Amino acid sequence: MNKSMMTGVIAGAIAVTAIGGVAGYKALNSGPEFAEVLAVKAVTETTKTPKEVCEDVVVNEQAPVKDPNRIAGTAVGAVAGGLLGNQIGGGSGKTIATVAGAAAGGYAGNQVQKNMQEKDVVSRTERRCRTVQESSSRTIGYDVRYRLGEEEGQVRMDHEPGPRIPVKGGKLQLEASAS
């Protein structure tokens, strides 16, 4: 072997040893490349927003009365009662029966008209509104429990980390990866 070849072999051996030593040193002292994710819990925020809800409702009410004193019913009843009372008896009894029939017929006619007026109903549609609270939830972050080497810790992240979190220089890399 000549001198220059021997120099080359020695220089090469030194270079390989140095490079291997540096790589081995980095492998031993750089620490883990990833932290293991143990648990992830979504952190949510609930907001309530007032919202107006309206609906159309049918309202029934008594129709306006055109004859509040029920004169028509009383008059028709009195005439009918008087005619029926006039058919009964004779002489002065006939007059009494006619008057009694007119009075009874007037009362009956008044009550019939009253019942008819009470059952006379009009319907109208009314819009009724009320305020309700509408809830909505949104995720604002994630509480992540992790293990880095032998130590456990917890951190809040703005995204779900997956099964592991990258580590660089012994620190967690919490930014979302651009995929």
N, C-alpha and C. Protein backbone atom coordinates (compact mmCIF):
# COMPACT_ATOMS: atom_id res chain seq x y z
N MET A 1 0.83 -1.16 0.00
CA MET A 1 0.00 0.00 0.00
C MET A 1 0.87 1.22 0.00
N ASN A 2 0.46 2.13 -0.78
CA ASN A 2 1.28 3.34 -0.82
C ASN A 2 0.76 4.33 0.20
N LYS A 3 1.53 5.36 0.36
CA LYS A 3 1.27 6.33 1.41
C LYS A 3 -0.03 7.09 1.17
N SER A 4 -0.32 7.48 -0.02
CA SER A 4 -1.54 8.24 -0.30
C SER A 4 -2.78 7.36 -0.13
N MET A 5 -2.66 6.09 -0.44
CA MET A 5 -3.79 5.21 -0.27
C MET A 5 -4.06 5.01 1.22
N MET A 6 -3.01 4.87 1.97
CA MET A 6 -3.14 4.68 3.40
C MET A 6 -3.75 5.92 4.04
N THR A 7 -3.36 7.09 3.59
CA THR A 7 -3.91 8.33 4.09
C THR A 7 -5.41 8.38 3.78
N GLY A 8 -5.81 7.97 2.60
CA GLY A 8 -7.21 7.97 2.20
C GLY A 8 -8.04 7.03 3.05
N VAL A 9 -7.50 5.84 3.33
CA VAL A 9 -8.23 4.86 4.13
C VAL A 9 -8.40 5.39 5.55
N ILE A 10 -7.37 5.98 6.09
CA ILE A 10 -7.46 6.51 7.46
C ILE A 10 -8.44 7.68 7.51
N ALA A 11 -8.37 8.57 6.53
CA ALA A 11 -9.29 9.72 6.49
C ALA A 11 -10.72 9.23 6.35
N GLY A 12 -10.94 8.23 5.52
CA GLY A 12 -12.29 7.67 5.34
C GLY A 12 -12.80 7.05 6.61
N ALA A 13 -11.94 6.32 7.33
CA ALA A 13 -12.36 5.68 8.57
C ALA A 13 -12.72 6.72 9.62
N ILE A 14 -11.94 7.78 9.65
CA ILE A 14 -12.22 8.86 10.61
C ILE A 14 -13.56 9.51 10.26
N ALA A 15 -13.81 9.77 8.99
CA ALA A 15 -15.07 10.42 8.57
C ALA A 15 -16.27 9.54 8.90
N VAL A 16 -16.19 8.24 8.62
CA VAL A 16 -17.30 7.33 8.89
C VAL A 16 -17.55 7.26 10.39
N THR A 17 -16.51 7.22 11.17
CA THR A 17 -16.66 7.17 12.62
C THR A 17 -17.31 8.45 13.13
N ALA A 18 -16.87 9.57 12.61
CA ALA A 18 -17.42 10.86 13.06
C ALA A 18 -18.88 10.98 12.70
N ILE A 19 -19.21 10.65 11.46
CA ILE A 19 -20.61 10.76 11.02
C ILE A 19 -21.49 9.79 11.81
N GLY A 20 -21.02 8.57 11.97
CA GLY A 20 -21.79 7.59 12.75
C GLY A 20 -21.95 8.02 14.19
N GLY A 21 -20.91 8.60 14.76
CA GLY A 21 -20.98 9.06 16.14
C GLY A 21 -21.97 10.18 16.31
N VAL A 22 -21.97 11.14 15.37
CA VAL A 22 -22.92 12.26 15.44
C VAL A 22 -24.33 11.74 15.28
N ALA A 23 -24.57 10.84 14.32
CA ALA A 23 -25.91 10.28 14.12
C ALA A 23 -26.36 9.51 15.34
N GLY A 24 -25.44 8.73 15.91
CA GLY A 24 -25.78 7.97 17.11
C GLY A 24 -26.06 8.89 18.27
N TYR A 25 -25.30 9.96 18.40
CA TYR A 25 -25.51 10.94 19.47
C TYR A 25 -26.88 11.59 19.33
N LYS A 26 -27.22 11.99 18.07
CA LYS A 26 -28.53 12.62 17.84
C LYS A 26 -29.65 11.64 18.16
N ALA A 27 -29.48 10.38 17.76
CA ALA A 27 -30.52 9.38 18.00
C ALA A 27 -30.72 9.17 19.50
N LEU A 28 -29.63 9.20 20.25
CA LEU A 28 -29.74 8.97 21.68
C LEU A 28 -30.27 10.19 22.43
N ASN A 29 -29.91 11.41 22.00
CA ASN A 29 -30.22 12.61 22.77
C ASN A 29 -31.33 13.47 22.19
N SER A 30 -31.92 13.10 21.07
CA SER A 30 -32.94 13.97 20.50
C SER A 30 -34.30 13.77 21.15
N GLY A 31 -34.55 12.67 21.81
CA GLY A 31 -35.83 12.42 22.45
C GLY A 31 -36.84 11.88 21.44
N PRO A 32 -38.04 11.58 21.91
CA PRO A 32 -39.05 11.00 21.02
C PRO A 32 -39.48 12.01 19.94
N GLU A 33 -39.87 11.46 18.79
CA GLU A 33 -40.35 12.31 17.69
C GLU A 33 -41.84 12.61 17.81
N PHE A 34 -42.56 11.79 18.60
CA PHE A 34 -44.01 11.97 18.74
C PHE A 34 -44.42 11.76 20.19
N ALA A 35 -45.50 12.47 20.58
CA ALA A 35 -46.13 12.24 21.88
C ALA A 35 -47.38 11.40 21.61
N GLU A 36 -47.62 10.42 22.45
CA GLU A 36 -48.78 9.54 22.29
C GLU A 36 -50.02 10.23 22.88
N VAL A 37 -51.10 10.30 22.10
CA VAL A 37 -52.35 10.90 22.57
C VAL A 37 -53.10 9.85 23.38
N LEU A 38 -53.43 10.19 24.62
CA LEU A 38 -54.14 9.26 25.51
C LEU A 38 -55.64 9.50 25.50
N ALA A 39 -56.07 10.76 25.43
CA ALA A 39 -57.50 11.08 25.46
C ALA A 39 -57.72 12.45 24.82
N VAL A 40 -58.87 12.58 24.14
CA VAL A 40 -59.25 13.85 23.52
C VAL A 40 -60.70 14.14 23.92
N LYS A 41 -60.91 15.34 24.42
CA LYS A 41 -62.28 15.74 24.79
C LYS A 41 -62.59 17.08 24.12
N ALA A 42 -63.67 17.10 23.34
CA ALA A 42 -64.08 18.34 22.67
C ALA A 42 -64.58 19.35 23.71
N VAL A 43 -64.19 20.60 23.54
CA VAL A 43 -64.65 21.69 24.41
C VAL A 43 -65.65 22.48 23.58
N THR A 44 -66.89 22.56 24.07
CA THR A 44 -67.94 23.23 23.30
C THR A 44 -68.45 24.46 24.03
N GLU A 45 -69.06 25.32 23.26
CA GLU A 45 -69.67 26.54 23.78
C GLU A 45 -71.11 26.58 23.28
N THR A 46 -72.05 26.74 24.19
CA THR A 46 -73.47 26.79 23.83
C THR A 46 -73.96 28.23 23.93
N THR A 47 -74.62 28.67 22.87
CA THR A 47 -75.20 30.02 22.88
C THR A 47 -76.71 29.90 22.69
N LYS A 48 -77.43 30.79 23.34
CA LYS A 48 -78.89 30.84 23.21
C LYS A 48 -79.25 32.13 22.51
N THR A 49 -80.08 31.98 21.49
CA THR A 49 -80.50 33.13 20.70
C THR A 49 -82.02 33.25 20.76
N PRO A 50 -82.54 34.43 21.12
CA PRO A 50 -84.00 34.58 21.13
C PRO A 50 -84.56 34.56 19.70
N LYS A 51 -85.69 33.88 19.53
CA LYS A 51 -86.31 33.77 18.22
C LYS A 51 -87.82 33.92 18.40
N GLU A 52 -88.43 34.73 17.55
CA GLU A 52 -89.87 34.93 17.63
C GLU A 52 -90.57 33.87 16.78
N VAL A 53 -91.55 33.18 17.41
CA VAL A 53 -92.33 32.15 16.73
C VAL A 53 -93.78 32.61 16.73
N CYS A 54 -94.37 32.68 15.54
CA CYS A 54 -95.76 33.15 15.41
C CYS A 54 -96.62 32.05 14.80
N GLU A 55 -97.89 32.06 15.18
CA GLU A 55 -98.84 31.11 14.60
C GLU A 55 -100.22 31.77 14.52
N ASP A 56 -101.00 31.33 13.55
CA ASP A 56 -102.36 31.82 13.39
C ASP A 56 -103.30 30.92 14.19
N VAL A 57 -104.14 31.53 15.04
CA VAL A 57 -105.06 30.80 15.90
C VAL A 57 -106.48 31.25 15.58
N VAL A 58 -107.39 30.27 15.46
CA VAL A 58 -108.80 30.60 15.22
C VAL A 58 -109.45 30.90 16.57
N VAL A 59 -110.07 32.08 16.66
CA VAL A 59 -110.73 32.51 17.90
C VAL A 59 -112.23 32.61 17.62
N ASN A 60 -113.01 31.90 18.45
CA ASN A 60 -114.48 31.96 18.32
C ASN A 60 -115.02 32.89 19.40
N GLU A 61 -115.93 33.77 19.00
CA GLU A 61 -116.57 34.65 19.97
C GLU A 61 -118.03 34.86 19.57
N GLN A 62 -118.81 35.28 20.54
CA GLN A 62 -120.23 35.49 20.28
C GLN A 62 -120.41 36.62 19.28
N ALA A 63 -121.30 36.38 18.32
CA ALA A 63 -121.59 37.39 17.30
C ALA A 63 -122.26 38.60 17.94
N PRO A 64 -122.05 39.77 17.37
CA PRO A 64 -122.73 40.95 17.90
C PRO A 64 -124.26 40.76 17.81
N VAL A 65 -124.94 41.14 18.89
CA VAL A 65 -126.39 40.97 18.97
C VAL A 65 -127.07 42.18 18.34
N LYS A 66 -128.00 41.91 17.38
CA LYS A 66 -128.71 43.01 16.71
C LYS A 66 -129.93 43.44 17.52
N ASP A 67 -130.47 42.54 18.31
CA ASP A 67 -131.67 42.84 19.10
C ASP A 67 -131.39 42.44 20.56
N PRO A 68 -130.63 43.28 21.30
CA PRO A 68 -130.23 42.88 22.66
C PRO A 68 -131.42 42.69 23.62
N ASN A 69 -132.54 43.36 23.37
CA ASN A 69 -133.71 43.23 24.26
C ASN A 69 -134.63 42.10 23.83
N ARG A 70 -134.29 41.42 22.75
CA ARG A 70 -135.04 40.27 22.20
C ARG A 70 -136.52 40.62 21.97
N ILE A 71 -136.75 41.78 21.40
CA ILE A 71 -138.12 42.26 21.13
C ILE A 71 -138.80 41.39 20.09
N ALA A 72 -138.06 41.01 19.03
CA ALA A 72 -138.65 40.20 17.95
C ALA A 72 -139.14 38.87 18.49
N GLY A 73 -138.31 38.18 19.29
CA GLY A 73 -138.70 36.88 19.85
C GLY A 73 -139.87 37.01 20.78
N THR A 74 -139.85 38.05 21.59
CA THR A 74 -140.94 38.26 22.53
C THR A 74 -142.24 38.52 21.78
N ALA A 75 -142.19 39.37 20.73
CA ALA A 75 -143.40 39.72 19.97
C ALA A 75 -143.96 38.50 19.24
N VAL A 76 -143.10 37.76 18.57
CA VAL A 76 -143.56 36.57 17.82
C VAL A 76 -144.15 35.56 18.80
N GLY A 77 -143.47 35.35 19.94
CA GLY A 77 -143.96 34.40 20.94
C GLY A 77 -145.30 34.85 21.52
N ALA A 78 -145.44 36.16 21.79
CA ALA A 78 -146.69 36.67 22.36
C ALA A 78 -147.86 36.47 21.38
N VAL A 79 -147.62 36.74 20.11
CA VAL A 79 -148.68 36.57 19.10
C VAL A 79 -149.07 35.10 19.01
N ALA A 80 -148.06 34.22 18.93
CA ALA A 80 -148.36 32.79 18.81
C ALA A 80 -149.07 32.29 20.08
N GLY A 81 -148.60 32.71 21.26
CA GLY A 81 -149.23 32.29 22.51
C GLY A 81 -150.65 32.82 22.63
N GLY A 82 -150.85 34.07 22.19
CA GLY A 82 -152.19 34.64 22.24
C GLY A 82 -153.15 33.89 21.32
N LEU A 83 -152.68 33.52 20.13
CA LEU A 83 -153.54 32.74 19.20
C LEU A 83 -153.89 31.38 19.79
N LEU A 84 -152.91 30.72 20.42
CA LEU A 84 -153.20 29.41 21.03
C LEU A 84 -154.14 29.57 22.23
N GLY A 85 -153.90 30.58 23.06
CA GLY A 85 -154.75 30.81 24.24
C GLY A 85 -156.17 31.16 23.82
N ASN A 86 -156.33 31.82 22.70
CA ASN A 86 -157.65 32.20 22.19
C ASN A 86 -158.46 30.97 21.78
N GLN A 87 -157.79 29.87 21.49
CA GLN A 87 -158.48 28.65 21.08
C GLN A 87 -159.06 27.90 22.28
N ILE A 88 -158.63 28.30 23.47
CA ILE A 88 -159.05 27.58 24.67
C ILE A 88 -160.19 28.38 25.34
N GLY A 89 -161.16 27.64 25.85
CA GLY A 89 -162.22 28.21 26.65
C GLY A 89 -163.21 29.07 25.86
N GLY A 90 -164.10 29.69 26.62
CA GLY A 90 -165.10 30.54 26.02
C GLY A 90 -165.42 31.70 26.95
N GLY A 91 -166.02 32.76 26.45
CA GLY A 91 -166.42 33.92 27.22
C GLY A 91 -165.24 34.62 27.84
N SER A 92 -165.38 34.96 29.17
CA SER A 92 -164.29 35.67 29.86
C SER A 92 -163.10 34.76 30.07
N GLY A 93 -163.27 33.45 30.10
CA GLY A 93 -162.17 32.48 30.21
C GLY A 93 -161.30 32.52 28.97
N LYS A 94 -161.98 32.81 27.84
CA LYS A 94 -161.24 32.89 26.59
C LYS A 94 -160.31 34.09 26.61
N THR A 95 -160.73 35.20 27.18
CA THR A 95 -159.91 36.40 27.27
C THR A 95 -158.73 36.14 28.20
N ILE A 96 -159.00 35.51 29.34
CA ILE A 96 -157.91 35.19 30.28
C ILE A 96 -156.92 34.24 29.63
N ALA A 97 -157.42 33.22 28.90
CA ALA A 97 -156.54 32.25 28.23
C ALA A 97 -155.72 32.93 27.15
N THR A 98 -156.32 33.90 26.44
CA THR A 98 -155.60 34.63 25.40
C THR A 98 -154.49 35.46 26.02
N VAL A 99 -154.79 36.18 27.12
CA VAL A 99 -153.78 37.00 27.80
C VAL A 99 -152.67 36.11 28.38
N ALA A 100 -153.07 35.01 29.03
CA ALA A 100 -152.08 34.09 29.62
C ALA A 100 -151.23 33.47 28.51
N GLY A 101 -151.85 33.10 27.40
CA GLY A 101 -151.10 32.51 26.27
C GLY A 101 -150.14 33.51 25.68
N ALA A 102 -150.56 34.79 25.57
CA ALA A 102 -149.69 35.83 25.03
C ALA A 102 -148.50 36.05 25.96
N ALA A 103 -148.75 36.06 27.29
CA ALA A 103 -147.65 36.26 28.25
C ALA A 103 -146.69 35.08 28.21
N ALA A 104 -147.22 33.87 28.23
CA ALA A 104 -146.36 32.68 28.20
C ALA A 104 -145.61 32.59 26.87
N GLY A 105 -146.31 32.91 25.78
CA GLY A 105 -145.67 32.88 24.45
C GLY A 105 -144.59 33.93 24.33
N GLY A 106 -144.83 35.11 24.89
CA GLY A 106 -143.83 36.18 24.86
C GLY A 106 -142.57 35.76 25.60
N TYR A 107 -142.77 35.14 26.79
CA TYR A 107 -141.61 34.69 27.57
C TYR A 107 -140.85 33.58 26.80
N ALA A 108 -141.62 32.64 26.27
CA ALA A 108 -140.99 31.53 25.53
C ALA A 108 -140.24 32.06 24.31
N GLY A 109 -140.83 32.99 23.59
CA GLY A 109 -140.17 33.57 22.40
C GLY A 109 -138.89 34.31 22.79
N ASN A 110 -138.95 35.02 23.93
CA ASN A 110 -137.78 35.74 24.41
C ASN A 110 -136.64 34.75 24.70
N GLN A 111 -136.94 33.63 25.37
CA GLN A 111 -135.92 32.63 25.71
C GLN A 111 -135.38 31.92 24.47
N VAL A 112 -136.25 31.64 23.51
CA VAL A 112 -135.79 31.00 22.26
C VAL A 112 -134.81 31.93 21.54
N GLN A 113 -135.14 33.21 21.46
CA GLN A 113 -134.23 34.16 20.79
C GLN A 113 -132.92 34.28 21.58
N LYS A 114 -133.00 34.26 22.91
CA LYS A 114 -131.78 34.34 23.73
C LYS A 114 -130.86 33.15 23.43
N ASN A 115 -131.43 31.94 23.40
CA ASN A 115 -130.62 30.73 23.11
C ASN A 115 -130.01 30.81 21.71
N MET A 116 -130.75 31.30 20.77
CA MET A 116 -130.24 31.41 19.39
C MET A 116 -129.10 32.44 19.32
N GLN A 117 -129.26 33.55 20.03
CA GLN A 117 -128.21 34.57 20.03
C GLN A 117 -126.93 34.06 20.69
N GLU A 118 -127.06 33.27 21.77
CA GLU A 118 -125.88 32.75 22.46
C GLU A 118 -125.11 31.75 21.59
N LYS A 119 -125.80 31.03 20.74
CA LYS A 119 -125.16 30.05 19.87
C LYS A 119 -124.64 30.66 18.57
N ASP A 120 -124.96 31.90 18.34
CA ASP A 120 -124.51 32.59 17.12
C ASP A 120 -123.06 33.02 17.35
N VAL A 121 -122.12 32.31 16.72
CA VAL A 121 -120.69 32.52 16.94
C VAL A 121 -120.03 32.94 15.65
N VAL A 122 -119.07 33.86 15.77
CA VAL A 122 -118.25 34.23 14.62
C VAL A 122 -116.81 33.82 14.92
N SER A 123 -116.11 33.43 13.88
CA SER A 123 -114.71 33.03 14.01
C SER A 123 -113.83 34.04 13.31
N ARG A 124 -112.67 34.27 13.90
CA ARG A 124 -111.69 35.13 13.27
C ARG A 124 -110.31 34.54 13.54
N THR A 125 -109.38 34.86 12.68
CA THR A 125 -108.02 34.37 12.84
C THR A 125 -107.18 35.46 13.48
N GLU A 126 -106.47 35.05 14.53
CA GLU A 126 -105.63 36.00 15.27
C GLU A 126 -104.19 35.49 15.24
N ARG A 127 -103.24 36.37 14.99
CA ARG A 127 -101.82 35.99 14.96
C ARG A 127 -101.25 36.17 16.37
N ARG A 128 -100.70 35.08 16.93
CA ARG A 128 -100.12 35.12 18.27
C ARG A 128 -98.64 34.77 18.17
N CYS A 129 -97.82 35.58 18.81
CA CYS A 129 -96.38 35.39 18.75
C CYS A 129 -95.81 35.25 20.16
N ARG A 130 -94.72 34.49 20.26
CA ARG A 130 -94.01 34.33 21.53
C ARG A 130 -92.53 34.19 21.22
N THR A 131 -91.70 34.48 22.20
CA THR A 131 -90.26 34.39 22.03
C THR A 131 -89.76 33.10 22.67
N VAL A 132 -88.97 32.34 21.90
CA VAL A 132 -88.36 31.12 22.41
C VAL A 132 -86.84 31.26 22.32
N GLN A 133 -86.14 30.50 23.12
CA GLN A 133 -84.67 30.52 23.10
C GLN A 133 -84.19 29.33 22.26
N GLU A 134 -83.43 29.63 21.22
CA GLU A 134 -82.89 28.59 20.35
C GLU A 134 -81.42 28.37 20.73
N SER A 135 -81.06 27.13 21.05
CA SER A 135 -79.70 26.82 21.48
C SER A 135 -78.88 26.29 20.30
N SER A 136 -77.61 26.67 20.29
CA SER A 136 -76.68 26.11 19.31
C SER A 136 -75.33 25.93 19.99
N SER A 137 -74.66 24.84 19.63
CA SER A 137 -73.35 24.53 20.21
C SER A 137 -72.30 24.52 19.11
N ARG A 138 -71.08 24.93 19.50
CA ARG A 138 -69.98 24.85 18.55
C ARG A 138 -68.73 24.45 19.34
N THR A 139 -67.86 23.75 18.66
CA THR A 139 -66.62 23.29 19.28
C THR A 139 -65.60 24.42 19.22
N ILE A 140 -65.01 24.75 20.37
CA ILE A 140 -64.02 25.84 20.41
C ILE A 140 -62.60 25.32 20.61
N GLY A 141 -62.45 24.02 20.86
CA GLY A 141 -61.12 23.44 21.02
C GLY A 141 -61.21 22.02 21.52
N TYR A 142 -60.04 21.44 21.80
CA TYR A 142 -59.96 20.07 22.27
C TYR A 142 -58.96 20.00 23.42
N ASP A 143 -59.38 19.42 24.54
CA ASP A 143 -58.47 19.16 25.64
C ASP A 143 -57.84 17.80 25.36
N VAL A 144 -56.50 17.78 25.24
CA VAL A 144 -55.78 16.58 24.84
C VAL A 144 -54.85 16.16 25.98
N ARG A 145 -54.99 14.91 26.40
CA ARG A 145 -54.07 14.32 27.36
C ARG A 145 -53.08 13.48 26.58
N TYR A 146 -51.79 13.63 26.88
CA TYR A 146 -50.76 12.95 26.08
C TYR A 146 -49.66 12.41 26.99
N ARG A 147 -48.85 11.52 26.40
CA ARG A 147 -47.67 10.99 27.09
C ARG A 147 -46.47 11.27 26.19
N LEU A 148 -45.46 11.92 26.76
CA LEU A 148 -44.21 12.22 26.06
C LEU A 148 -43.10 11.58 26.86
N GLY A 149 -42.58 10.46 26.34
CA GLY A 149 -41.60 9.69 27.10
C GLY A 149 -42.30 9.07 28.30
N GLU A 150 -41.83 9.37 29.49
CA GLU A 150 -42.43 8.83 30.71
C GLU A 150 -43.40 9.81 31.37
N GLU A 151 -43.49 11.04 30.84
CA GLU A 151 -44.33 12.06 31.47
C GLU A 151 -45.66 12.22 30.74
N GLU A 152 -46.71 12.51 31.53
CA GLU A 152 -48.04 12.79 30.95
C GLU A 152 -48.33 14.27 31.13
N GLY A 153 -49.08 14.81 30.20
CA GLY A 153 -49.47 16.22 30.29
C GLY A 153 -50.80 16.45 29.60
N GLN A 154 -51.27 17.68 29.67
CA GLN A 154 -52.53 18.04 29.02
C GLN A 154 -52.35 19.39 28.35
N VAL A 155 -52.97 19.55 27.19
CA VAL A 155 -52.87 20.79 26.43
C VAL A 155 -54.19 21.00 25.69
N ARG A 156 -54.55 22.25 25.44
CA ARG A 156 -55.74 22.55 24.63
C ARG A 156 -55.27 22.87 23.21
N MET A 157 -55.93 22.20 22.25
CA MET A 157 -55.58 22.39 20.84
C MET A 157 -56.80 22.90 20.08
N ASP A 158 -56.54 23.55 18.94
CA ASP A 158 -57.65 24.07 18.14
C ASP A 158 -58.15 23.05 17.11
N HIS A 159 -57.53 21.88 17.06
CA HIS A 159 -57.93 20.82 16.14
C HIS A 159 -57.72 19.47 16.82
N GLU A 160 -58.36 18.42 16.29
CA GLU A 160 -58.16 17.08 16.82
C GLU A 160 -56.78 16.60 16.39
N PRO A 161 -55.98 16.08 17.32
CA PRO A 161 -54.61 15.74 16.98
C PRO A 161 -54.41 14.39 16.29
N GLY A 162 -55.36 13.50 16.38
CA GLY A 162 -55.13 12.15 15.88
C GLY A 162 -54.46 11.32 16.97
N PRO A 163 -53.81 10.19 16.61
CA PRO A 163 -53.24 9.30 17.63
C PRO A 163 -51.93 9.79 18.24
N ARG A 164 -51.25 10.76 17.60
CA ARG A 164 -50.00 11.24 18.15
C ARG A 164 -49.76 12.70 17.73
N ILE A 165 -48.91 13.37 18.53
CA ILE A 165 -48.58 14.78 18.29
C ILE A 165 -47.09 14.86 17.97
N PRO A 166 -46.71 15.52 16.87
CA PRO A 166 -45.28 15.64 16.54
C PRO A 166 -44.53 16.44 17.61
N VAL A 167 -43.27 16.05 17.82
CA VAL A 167 -42.40 16.73 18.79
C VAL A 167 -41.15 17.17 18.04
N LYS A 168 -40.73 18.40 18.28
CA LYS A 168 -39.52 18.93 17.66
C LYS A 168 -38.73 19.66 18.73
N GLY A 169 -37.49 19.27 18.91
CA GLY A 169 -36.67 19.91 19.93
C GLY A 169 -37.25 19.76 21.33
N GLY A 170 -37.93 18.64 21.59
CA GLY A 170 -38.51 18.39 22.90
C GLY A 170 -39.82 19.12 23.16
N LYS A 171 -40.34 19.85 22.15
CA LYS A 171 -41.59 20.60 22.33
C LYS A 171 -42.66 20.08 21.40
N LEU A 172 -43.92 20.07 21.90
CA LEU A 172 -45.05 19.64 21.07
C LEU A 172 -45.26 20.62 19.93
N GLN A 173 -45.57 20.11 18.77
CA GLN A 173 -45.90 20.92 17.61
C GLN A 173 -47.42 20.95 17.50
N LEU A 174 -48.05 22.01 17.99
CA LEU A 174 -49.50 22.06 18.15
C LEU A 174 -50.23 22.60 16.94
N GLU A 175 -49.55 23.16 15.97
CA GLU A 175 -50.22 23.73 14.80
C GLU A 175 -50.78 22.59 13.95
N ALA A 176 -51.91 22.87 13.28
CA ALA A 176 -52.51 21.87 12.39
C ALA A 176 -51.60 21.74 11.17
N SER A 177 -51.36 20.48 10.78
CA SER A 177 -50.49 20.27 9.61
C SER A 177 -51.24 20.65 8.35
N ALA A 178 -50.53 21.28 7.41
CA ALA A 178 -51.14 21.68 6.14
C ALA A 178 -51.14 20.47 5.23
N SER A 179 -52.30 19.79 5.12
CA SER A 179 -52.38 18.59 4.30
C SER A 179 -52.93 18.89 2.94
